[in-house]
């Protein structure tokens, strides 16, 4: 279920102090990188990913990560994208 504006606002506030857990660079979205993003989403629910490339490529990667990992793209600022996916077993982040 897509997040509403108030939920995205709360998640942005919660993510403000977070550091990027995964960096996507020269080799792009490999299976290993996607597996690491999956693991991070399972462990933390709310994560930041650093996307190191040109603007158009970063935008495509951000959308593809959300689709591949079945996560919500909360926001992108520059080279950092923030994602949220609720853990059905033990939710820890309340989007509001």
PDB file of N, CA and C in Angstrom:
ATOM      1  N   UNK A   1       0.838  -1.180   0.000  1.00  0.00           N
ATOM      2  CA  UNK A   1       0.000   0.000   0.000  1.00  0.00           C
ATOM      3  C   UNK A   1       0.883   1.244   0.000  1.00  0.00           C
ATOM      4  N   UNK A   2       0.665   2.155  -0.925  1.00  0.00           N
ATOM      5  CA  UNK A   2       1.498   3.359  -1.001  1.00  0.00           C
ATOM      6  C   UNK A   2       1.356   4.229   0.245  1.00  0.00           C
ATOM      7  N   UNK A   3       2.425   4.910   0.567  1.00  0.00           N
ATOM      8  CA  UNK A   3       2.423   5.802   1.719  1.00  0.00           C
ATOM      9  C   UNK A   3       1.721   7.114   1.373  1.00  0.00           C
ATOM     10  N   UNK A   4       1.011   7.667   2.346  1.00  0.00           N
ATOM     11  CA  UNK A   4       0.401   8.980   2.160  1.00  0.00           C
ATOM     12  C   UNK A   4       1.420  10.049   2.541  1.00  0.00           C
ATOM     13  N   UNK A   5       1.129  11.296   2.221  1.00  0.00           N
ATOM     14  CA  UNK A   5       2.078  12.392   2.426  1.00  0.00           C
ATOM     15  C   UNK A   5       2.518  12.525   3.886  1.00  0.00           C
ATOM     16  N   UNK A   6       1.593  12.375   4.818  1.00  0.00           N
ATOM     17  CA  UNK A   6       1.950  12.520   6.234  1.00  0.00           C
ATOM     18  C   UNK A   6       2.901  11.403   6.684  1.00  0.00           C
ATOM     19  N   UNK A   7       2.727  10.199   6.143  1.00  0.00           N
ATOM     20  CA  UNK A   7       3.622   9.090   6.488  1.00  0.00           C
ATOM     21  C   UNK A   7       5.013   9.339   5.915  1.00  0.00           C
ATOM     22  N   UNK A   8       5.072   9.820   4.666  1.00  0.00           N
ATOM     23  CA  UNK A   8       6.373  10.121   4.069  1.00  0.00           C
ATOM     24  C   UNK A   8       7.086  11.216   4.856  1.00  0.00           C
ATOM     25  N   UNK A   9       6.339  12.190   5.316  1.00  0.00           N
ATOM     26  CA  UNK A   9       6.934  13.273   6.101  1.00  0.00           C
ATOM     27  C   UNK A   9       7.548  12.718   7.386  1.00  0.00           C
ATOM     28  N   UNK A  10       6.829  11.846   8.059  1.00  0.00           N
ATOM     29  CA  UNK A  10       7.344  11.246   9.301  1.00  0.00           C
ATOM     30  C   UNK A  10       8.577  10.387   9.025  1.00  0.00           C
ATOM     31  N   UNK A  11       8.533   9.607   7.950  1.00  0.00           N
ATOM     32  CA  UNK A  11       9.682   8.763   7.612  1.00  0.00           C
ATOM     33  C   UNK A  11      10.904   9.599   7.241  1.00  0.00           C
ATOM     34  N   UNK A  12      10.694  10.715   6.538  1.00  0.00           N
ATOM     35  CA  UNK A  12      11.810  11.614   6.219  1.00  0.00           C
ATOM     36  C   UNK A  12      12.447  12.146   7.489  1.00  0.00           C
ATOM     37  N   UNK A  13      11.627  12.489   8.464  1.00  0.00           N
ATOM     38  CA  UNK A  13      12.142  12.979   9.743  1.00  0.00           C
ATOM     39  C   UNK A  13      12.929  11.891  10.471  1.00  0.00           C
ATOM     40  N   UNK A  14      12.418  10.669  10.453  1.00  0.00           N
ATOM     41  CA  UNK A  14      13.117   9.558  11.108  1.00  0.00           C
ATOM     42  C   UNK A  14      14.427   9.222  10.399  1.00  0.00           C
ATOM     43  N   UNK A  15      14.454   9.392   9.081  1.00  0.00           N
ATOM     44  CA  UNK A  15      15.637   9.024   8.301  1.00  0.00           C
ATOM     45  C   UNK A  15      16.703  10.109   8.302  1.00  0.00           C
ATOM     46  N   UNK A  16      16.368  11.287   8.779  1.00  0.00           N
ATOM     47  CA  UNK A  16      17.290  12.422   8.683  1.00  0.00           C
ATOM     48  C   UNK A  16      18.677  12.107   9.249  1.00  0.00           C
ATOM     49  N   UNK A  17      18.739  11.469  10.386  1.00  0.00           N
ATOM     50  CA  UNK A  17      20.023  11.198  11.044  1.00  0.00           C
ATOM     51  C   UNK A  17      20.718   9.925  10.550  1.00  0.00           C
ATOM     52  N   UNK A  18      20.061   9.141   9.709  1.00  0.00           N
ATOM     53  CA  UNK A  18      20.640   7.877   9.243  1.00  0.00           C
ATOM     54  C   UNK A  18      21.778   8.100   8.252  1.00  0.00           C
ATOM     55  N   UNK A  19      22.719   7.198   8.253  1.00  0.00           N
ATOM     56  CA  UNK A  19      23.805   7.179   7.271  1.00  0.00           C
ATOM     57  C   UNK A  19      23.453   6.147   6.200  1.00  0.00           C
ATOM     58  N   UNK A  20      23.911   6.337   4.958  1.00  0.00           N
ATOM     59  CA  UNK A  20      23.659   5.334   3.916  1.00  0.00           C
ATOM     60  C   UNK A  20      24.271   3.985   4.283  1.00  0.00           C
ATOM     61  N   UNK A  21      23.485   2.923   4.172  1.00  0.00           N
ATOM     62  CA  UNK A  21      23.957   1.575   4.507  1.00  0.00           C
ATOM     63  C   UNK A  21      24.549   0.857   3.304  1.00  0.00           C
ATOM     64  N   UNK A  22      24.127   1.248   2.097  1.00  0.00           N
ATOM     65  CA  UNK A  22      24.582   0.590   0.873  1.00  0.00           C
ATOM     66  C   UNK A  22      24.980   1.679  -0.119  1.00  0.00           C
ATOM     67  N   UNK A  23      26.049   1.418  -0.871  1.00  0.00           N
ATOM     68  CA  UNK A  23      26.491   2.348  -1.914  1.00  0.00           C
ATOM     69  C   UNK A  23      26.433   1.627  -3.257  1.00  0.00           C
ATOM     70  N   UNK A  24      25.744   2.236  -4.221  1.00  0.00           N
ATOM     71  CA  UNK A  24      25.673   1.708  -5.585  1.00  0.00           C
ATOM     72  C   UNK A  24      26.609   2.585  -6.409  1.00  0.00           C
ATOM     73  N   UNK A  25      27.618   1.958  -7.017  1.00  0.00           N
ATOM     74  CA  UNK A  25      28.626   2.740  -7.736  1.00  0.00           C
ATOM     75  C   UNK A  25      28.803   2.235  -9.162  1.00  0.00           C
ATOM     76  N   UNK A  26      30.048   2.098  -9.591  1.00  0.00           N
ATOM     77  CA  UNK A  26      30.414   1.803 -10.975  1.00  0.00           C
ATOM     78  C   UNK A  26      29.728   0.569 -11.566  1.00  0.00           C
ATOM     79  N   UNK A  27      29.603  -0.479 -10.792  1.00  0.00           N
ATOM     80  CA  UNK A  27      29.067  -1.735 -11.326  1.00  0.00           C
ATOM     81  C   UNK A  27      27.544  -1.758 -11.367  1.00  0.00           C
ATOM     82  N   UNK A  28      26.912  -0.719 -10.844  1.00  0.00           N
ATOM     83  CA  UNK A  28      25.458  -0.609 -10.944  1.00  0.00           C
ATOM     84  C   UNK A  28      24.718  -1.535  -9.997  1.00  0.00           C
ATOM     85  N   UNK A  29      23.503  -1.863 -10.365  1.00  0.00           N
ATOM     86  CA  UNK A  29      22.640  -2.694  -9.537  1.00  0.00           C
ATOM     87  C   UNK A  29      22.874  -4.176  -9.806  1.00  0.00           C
ATOM     88  N   UNK A  30      23.928  -4.697  -9.244  1.00  0.00           N
ATOM     89  CA  UNK A  30      24.220  -6.120  -9.394  1.00  0.00           C
ATOM     90  C   UNK A  30      23.339  -6.911  -8.423  1.00  0.00           C
ATOM     91  N   UNK A  31      23.323  -8.209  -8.587  1.00  0.00           N
ATOM     92  CA  UNK A  31      22.551  -9.071  -7.691  1.00  0.00           C
ATOM     93  C   UNK A  31      23.044  -8.932  -6.254  1.00  0.00           C
ATOM     94  N   UNK A  32      24.342  -8.774  -6.094  1.00  0.00           N
ATOM     95  CA  UNK A  32      24.926  -8.644  -4.759  1.00  0.00           C
ATOM     96  C   UNK A  32      24.445  -7.369  -4.073  1.00  0.00           C
ATOM     97  N   UNK A  33      24.423  -6.272  -4.816  1.00  0.00           N
ATOM     98  CA  UNK A  33      23.969  -5.000  -4.253  1.00  0.00           C
ATOM     99  C   UNK A  33      22.494  -5.084  -3.887  1.00  0.00           C
ATOM    100  N   UNK A  34      21.679  -5.650  -4.762  1.00  0.00           N
ATOM    101  CA  UNK A  34      20.256  -5.797  -4.462  1.00  0.00           C
ATOM    102  C   UNK A  34      20.025  -6.710  -3.255  1.00  0.00           C
ATOM    103  N   UNK A  35      20.829  -7.761  -3.118  1.00  0.00           N
ATOM    104  CA  UNK A  35      20.718  -8.646  -1.957  1.00  0.00           C
ATOM    105  C   UNK A  35      21.079  -7.901  -0.677  1.00  0.00           C
ATOM    106  N   UNK A  36      22.073  -7.035  -0.741  1.00  0.00           N
ATOM    107  CA  UNK A  36      22.476  -6.257   0.429  1.00  0.00           C
ATOM    108  C   UNK A  36      21.381  -5.244   0.810  1.00  0.00           C
ATOM    109  N   UNK A  37      20.740  -4.648  -0.185  1.00  0.00           N
ATOM    110  CA  UNK A  37      19.629  -3.731   0.083  1.00  0.00           C
ATOM    111  C   UNK A  37      18.466  -4.495   0.718  1.00  0.00           C
ATOM    112  N   UNK A  38      18.170  -5.690   0.199  1.00  0.00           N
ATOM    113  CA  UNK A  38      17.121  -6.541   0.780  1.00  0.00           C
ATOM    114  C   UNK A  38      17.419  -6.843   2.247  1.00  0.00           C
ATOM    115  N   UNK A  39      18.663  -7.223   2.524  1.00  0.00           N
ATOM    116  CA  UNK A  39      19.049  -7.534   3.894  1.00  0.00           C
ATOM    117  C   UNK A  39      18.888  -6.315   4.800  1.00  0.00           C
ATOM    118  N   UNK A  40      19.327  -5.164   4.320  1.00  0.00           N
ATOM    119  CA  UNK A  40      19.223  -3.938   5.108  1.00  0.00           C
ATOM    120  C   UNK A  40      17.758  -3.577   5.369  1.00  0.00           C
ATOM    121  N   UNK A  41      16.894  -3.728   4.369  1.00  0.00           N
ATOM    122  CA  UNK A  41      15.474  -3.446   4.564  1.00  0.00           C
ATOM    123  C   UNK A  41      14.843  -4.406   5.568  1.00  0.00           C
ATOM    124  N   UNK A  42      15.233  -5.668   5.512  1.00  0.00           N
ATOM    125  CA  UNK A  42      14.711  -6.645   6.476  1.00  0.00           C
ATOM    126  C   UNK A  42      15.154  -6.312   7.894  1.00  0.00           C
ATOM    127  N   UNK A  43      16.395  -5.861   8.040  1.00  0.00           N
ATOM    128  CA  UNK A  43      16.948  -5.567   9.364  1.00  0.00           C
ATOM    129  C   UNK A  43      16.470  -4.230   9.922  1.00  0.00           C
ATOM    130  N   UNK A  44      16.377  -3.208   9.063  1.00  0.00           N
ATOM    131  CA  UNK A  44      16.147  -1.850   9.556  1.00  0.00           C
ATOM    132  C   UNK A  44      14.822  -1.221   9.133  1.00  0.00           C
ATOM    133  N   UNK A  45      14.186  -1.714   8.111  1.00  0.00           N
ATOM    134  CA  UNK A  45      12.936  -1.187   7.540  1.00  0.00           C
ATOM    135  C   UNK A  45      13.106   0.165   6.851  1.00  0.00           C
ATOM    136  N   UNK A  46      13.822   1.087   7.445  1.00  0.00           N
ATOM    137  CA  UNK A  46      14.032   2.418   6.874  1.00  0.00           C
ATOM    138  C   UNK A  46      15.532   2.584   6.634  1.00  0.00           C
ATOM    139  N   UNK A  47      15.918   2.730   5.357  1.00  0.00           N
ATOM    140  CA  UNK A  47      17.349   2.807   5.036  1.00  0.00           C
ATOM    141  C   UNK A  47      17.627   3.922   4.035  1.00  0.00           C
ATOM    142  N   UNK A  48      18.900   4.291   3.985  1.00  0.00           N
ATOM    143  CA  UNK A  48      19.378   5.206   2.954  1.00  0.00           C
ATOM    144  C   UNK A  48      20.372   4.448   2.082  1.00  0.00           C
ATOM    145  N   UNK A  49      20.337   4.749   0.782  1.00  0.00           N
ATOM    146  CA  UNK A  49      21.241   4.142  -0.188  1.00  0.00           C
ATOM    147  C   UNK A  49      21.919   5.270  -0.951  1.00  0.00           C
ATOM    148  N   UNK A  50      23.238   5.205  -1.063  1.00  0.00           N
ATOM    149  CA  UNK A  50      23.978   6.220  -1.818  1.00  0.00           C
ATOM    150  C   UNK A  50      24.128   5.738  -3.257  1.00  0.00           C
ATOM    151  N   UNK A  51      23.715   6.575  -4.192  1.00  0.00           N
ATOM    152  CA  UNK A  51      23.759   6.243  -5.616  1.00  0.00           C
ATOM    153  C   UNK A  51      24.814   7.123  -6.282  1.00  0.00           C
ATOM    154  N   UNK A  52      25.924   6.518  -6.712  1.00  0.00           N
ATOM    155  CA  UNK A  52      27.044   7.261  -7.259  1.00  0.00           C
ATOM    156  C   UNK A  52      27.070   7.156  -8.776  1.00  0.00           C
ATOM    157  N   UNK A  53      26.444   8.124  -9.439  1.00  0.00           N
ATOM    158  CA  UNK A  53      26.439   8.149 -10.899  1.00  0.00           C
ATOM    159  C   UNK A  53      25.844   9.472 -11.366  1.00  0.00           C
ATOM    160  N   UNK A  54      25.588   9.559 -12.668  1.00  0.00           N
ATOM    161  CA  UNK A  54      24.957  10.749 -13.236  1.00  0.00           C
ATOM    162  C   UNK A  54      23.489  10.820 -12.820  1.00  0.00           C
ATOM    163  N   UNK A  55      22.888  11.985 -12.913  1.00  0.00           N
ATOM    164  CA  UNK A  55      21.528  12.224 -12.442  1.00  0.00           C
ATOM    165  C   UNK A  55      20.501  11.277 -13.058  1.00  0.00           C
ATOM    166  N   UNK A  56      20.527  11.107 -14.365  1.00  0.00           N
ATOM    167  CA  UNK A  56      19.549  10.239 -15.025  1.00  0.00           C
ATOM    168  C   UNK A  56      19.683   8.788 -14.571  1.00  0.00           C
ATOM    169  N   UNK A  57      20.908   8.341 -14.427  1.00  0.00           N
ATOM    170  CA  UNK A  57      21.165   6.960 -13.987  1.00  0.00           C
ATOM    171  C   UNK A  57      20.713   6.791 -12.542  1.00  0.00           C
ATOM    172  N   UNK A  58      20.995   7.770 -11.689  1.00  0.00           N
ATOM    173  CA  UNK A  58      20.569   7.700 -10.283  1.00  0.00           C
ATOM    174  C   UNK A  58      19.052   7.604 -10.179  1.00  0.00           C
ATOM    175  N   UNK A  59      18.365   8.382 -10.980  1.00  0.00           N
ATOM    176  CA  UNK A  59      16.897   8.370 -10.947  1.00  0.00           C
ATOM    177  C   UNK A  59      16.365   6.990 -11.357  1.00  0.00           C
ATOM    178  N   UNK A  60      16.942   6.424 -12.418  1.00  0.00           N
ATOM    179  CA  UNK A  60      16.518   5.094 -12.871  1.00  0.00           C
ATOM    180  C   UNK A  60      16.816   4.039 -11.808  1.00  0.00           C
ATOM    181  N   UNK A  61      18.002   4.117 -11.189  1.00  0.00           N
ATOM    182  CA  UNK A  61      18.361   3.168 -10.134  1.00  0.00           C
ATOM    183  C   UNK A  61      17.394   3.267  -8.963  1.00  0.00           C
ATOM    184  N   UNK A  62      17.046   4.489  -8.565  1.00  0.00           N
ATOM    185  CA  UNK A  62      16.158   4.688  -7.415  1.00  0.00           C
ATOM    186  C   UNK A  62      14.814   4.014  -7.645  1.00  0.00           C
ATOM    187  N   UNK A  63      14.264   4.184  -8.838  1.00  0.00           N
ATOM    188  CA  UNK A  63      12.977   3.572  -9.166  1.00  0.00           C
ATOM    189  C   UNK A  63      13.105   2.053  -9.253  1.00  0.00           C
ATOM    190  N   UNK A  64      14.195   1.587  -9.852  1.00  0.00           N
ATOM    191  CA  UNK A  64      14.392   0.145 -10.002  1.00  0.00           C
ATOM    192  C   UNK A  64      14.582  -0.544  -8.651  1.00  0.00           C
ATOM    193  N   UNK A  65      15.310   0.082  -7.745  1.00  0.00           N
ATOM    194  CA  UNK A  65      15.494  -0.504  -6.409  1.00  0.00           C
ATOM    195  C   UNK A  65      14.145  -0.646  -5.719  1.00  0.00           C
ATOM    196  N   UNK A  66      13.325   0.384  -5.785  1.00  0.00           N
ATOM    197  CA  UNK A  66      11.997   0.323  -5.161  1.00  0.00           C
ATOM    198  C   UNK A  66      11.165  -0.810  -5.748  1.00  0.00           C
ATOM    199  N   UNK A  67      11.216  -0.963  -7.065  1.00  0.00           N
ATOM    200  CA  UNK A  67      10.433  -2.016  -7.712  1.00  0.00           C
ATOM    201  C   UNK A  67      10.974  -3.405  -7.385  1.00  0.00           C
ATOM    202  N   UNK A  68      12.286  -3.581  -7.490  1.00  0.00           N
ATOM    203  CA  UNK A  68      12.903  -4.901  -7.259  1.00  0.00           C
ATOM    204  C   UNK A  68      12.740  -5.355  -5.811  1.00  0.00           C
ATOM    205  N   UNK A  69      12.858  -4.413  -4.870  1.00  0.00           N
ATOM    206  CA  UNK A  69      12.816  -4.761  -3.447  1.00  0.00           C
ATOM    207  C   UNK A  69      11.429  -4.614  -2.838  1.00  0.00           C
ATOM    208  N   UNK A  70      10.451  -4.209  -3.658  1.00  0.00           N
ATOM    209  CA  UNK A  70       9.085  -3.993  -3.170  1.00  0.00           C
ATOM    210  C   UNK A  70       9.079  -3.048  -1.973  1.00  0.00           C
ATOM    211  N   UNK A  71       9.813  -1.946  -2.110  1.00  0.00           N
ATOM    212  CA  UNK A  71       9.922  -0.948  -1.050  1.00  0.00           C
ATOM    213  C   UNK A  71       9.364   0.379  -1.543  1.00  0.00           C
ATOM    214  N   UNK A  72       9.049   1.251  -0.621  1.00  0.00           N
ATOM    215  CA  UNK A  72       8.564   2.583  -0.946  1.00  0.00           C
ATOM    216  C   UNK A  72       9.747   3.540  -1.005  1.00  0.00           C
ATOM    217  N   UNK A  73       9.845   4.288  -2.082  1.00  0.00           N
ATOM    218  CA  UNK A  73      10.855   5.329  -2.200  1.00  0.00           C
ATOM    219  C   UNK A  73      10.319   6.538  -1.446  1.00  0.00           C
ATOM    220  N   UNK A  74      10.927   6.833  -0.299  1.00  0.00           N
ATOM    221  CA  UNK A  74      10.460   7.921   0.551  1.00  0.00           C
ATOM    222  C   UNK A  74      10.895   9.265  -0.019  1.00  0.00           C
ATOM    223  N   UNK A  75      12.178   9.363  -0.386  1.00  0.00           N
ATOM    224  CA  UNK A  75      12.684  10.599  -0.974  1.00  0.00           C
ATOM    225  C   UNK A  75      14.059  10.379  -1.562  1.00  0.00           C
ATOM    226  N   UNK A  76      14.435  11.260  -2.477  1.00  0.00           N
ATOM    227  CA  UNK A  76      15.803  11.306  -2.983  1.00  0.00           C
ATOM    228  C   UNK A  76      16.291  12.739  -2.859  1.00  0.00           C
ATOM    229  N   UNK A  77      17.505  12.872  -2.374  1.00  0.00           N
ATOM    230  CA  UNK A  77      18.160  14.176  -2.306  1.00  0.00           C
ATOM    231  C   UNK A  77      19.575  13.961  -2.808  1.00  0.00           C
ATOM    232  N   UNK A  78      19.890  14.584  -3.941  1.00  0.00           N
ATOM    233  CA  UNK A  78      21.222  14.431  -4.512  1.00  0.00           C
ATOM    234  C   UNK A  78      21.520  12.978  -4.816  1.00  0.00           C
ATOM    235  N   UNK A  79      22.558  12.454  -4.168  1.00  0.00           N
ATOM    236  CA  UNK A  79      22.991  11.081  -4.415  1.00  0.00           C
ATOM    237  C   UNK A  79      22.437  10.084  -3.401  1.00  0.00           C
ATOM    238  N   UNK A  80      21.529  10.517  -2.550  1.00  0.00           N
ATOM    239  CA  UNK A  80      21.015   9.638  -1.496  1.00  0.00           C
ATOM    240  C   UNK A  80      19.515   9.407  -1.684  1.00  0.00           C
ATOM    241  N   UNK A  81      19.130   8.137  -1.651  1.00  0.00           N
ATOM    242  CA  UNK A  81      17.720   7.754  -1.732  1.00  0.00           C
ATOM    243  C   UNK A  81      17.337   7.053  -0.433  1.00  0.00           C
ATOM    244  N   UNK A  82      16.130   7.311   0.031  1.00  0.00           N
ATOM    245  CA  UNK A  82      15.636   6.737   1.272  1.00  0.00           C
ATOM    246  C   UNK A  82      14.483   5.791   0.947  1.00  0.00           C
ATOM    247  N   UNK A  83      14.514   4.592   1.526  1.00  0.00           N
ATOM    248  CA  UNK A  83      13.510   3.562   1.255  1.00  0.00           C
ATOM    249  C   UNK A  83      12.899   3.044   2.554  1.00  0.00           C
ATOM    250  N   UNK A  84      11.639   2.626   2.456  1.00  0.00           N
ATOM    251  CA  UNK A  84      10.940   2.026   3.589  1.00  0.00           C
ATOM    252  C   UNK A  84      10.205   0.781   3.122  1.00  0.00           C
ATOM    253  N   UNK A  85      10.341  -0.272   3.914  1.00  0.00           N
ATOM    254  CA  UNK A  85       9.545  -1.488   3.696  1.00  0.00           C
ATOM    255  C   UNK A  85       9.279  -2.107   5.058  1.00  0.00           C
ATOM    256  N   UNK A  86       8.001  -2.286   5.379  1.00  0.00           N
ATOM    257  CA  UNK A  86       7.613  -2.838   6.668  1.00  0.00           C
ATOM    258  C   UNK A  86       8.021  -4.298   6.765  1.00  0.00           C
ATOM    259  N   UNK A  87       8.592  -4.656   7.894  1.00  0.00           N
ATOM    260  CA  UNK A  87       8.936  -6.038   8.170  1.00  0.00           C
ATOM    261  C   UNK A  87       7.703  -6.702   8.765  1.00  0.00           C
ATOM    262  N   UNK A  88       7.112  -7.697   8.075  1.00  0.00           N
ATOM    263  CA  UNK A  88       5.863  -8.293   8.564  1.00  0.00           C
ATOM    264  C   UNK A  88       6.036  -9.062   9.877  1.00  0.00           C
ATOM    265  N   UNK A  89       7.240  -9.567  10.155  1.00  0.00           N
ATOM    266  CA  UNK A  89       7.471 -10.364  11.358  1.00  0.00           C
ATOM    267  C   UNK A  89       7.660  -9.514  12.605  1.00  0.00           C
ATOM    268  N   UNK A  90       8.500  -8.466  12.496  1.00  0.00           N
ATOM    269  CA  UNK A  90       8.782  -7.622  13.663  1.00  0.00           C
ATOM    270  C   UNK A  90       8.953  -6.165  13.240  1.00  0.00           C
ATOM    271  N   UNK A  91       7.831  -5.471  13.024  1.00  0.00           N
ATOM    272  CA  UNK A  91       7.936  -4.074  12.620  1.00  0.00           C
ATOM    273  C   UNK A  91       8.521  -3.220  13.744  1.00  0.00           C
ATOM    274  N   UNK A  92       9.440  -2.330  13.396  1.00  0.00           N
ATOM    275  CA  UNK A  92      10.070  -1.456  14.389  1.00  0.00           C
ATOM    276  C   UNK A  92       9.831   0.011  14.098  1.00  0.00           C
ATOM    277  N   UNK A  93       9.586   0.353  12.829  1.00  0.00           N
ATOM    278  CA  UNK A  93       9.379   1.742  12.434  1.00  0.00           C
ATOM    279  C   UNK A  93       7.893   1.965  12.194  1.00  0.00           C
ATOM    280  N   UNK A  94       7.355   2.979  12.853  1.00  0.00           N
ATOM    281  CA  UNK A  94       5.947   3.317  12.676  1.00  0.00           C
ATOM    282  C   UNK A  94       5.865   4.510  11.729  1.00  0.00           C
ATOM    283  N   UNK A  95       5.356   4.310  10.495  1.00  0.00           N
ATOM    284  CA  UNK A  95       5.301   5.427   9.565  1.00  0.00           C
ATOM    285  C   UNK A  95       4.258   6.480   9.919  1.00  0.00           C
ATOM    286  N   UNK A  96       3.438   6.224  10.893  1.00  0.00           N
ATOM    287  CA  UNK A  96       2.482   7.248  11.332  1.00  0.00           C
ATOM    288  C   UNK A  96       1.095   6.970  10.998  1.00  0.00           C
TER     289      UNK A  96
END
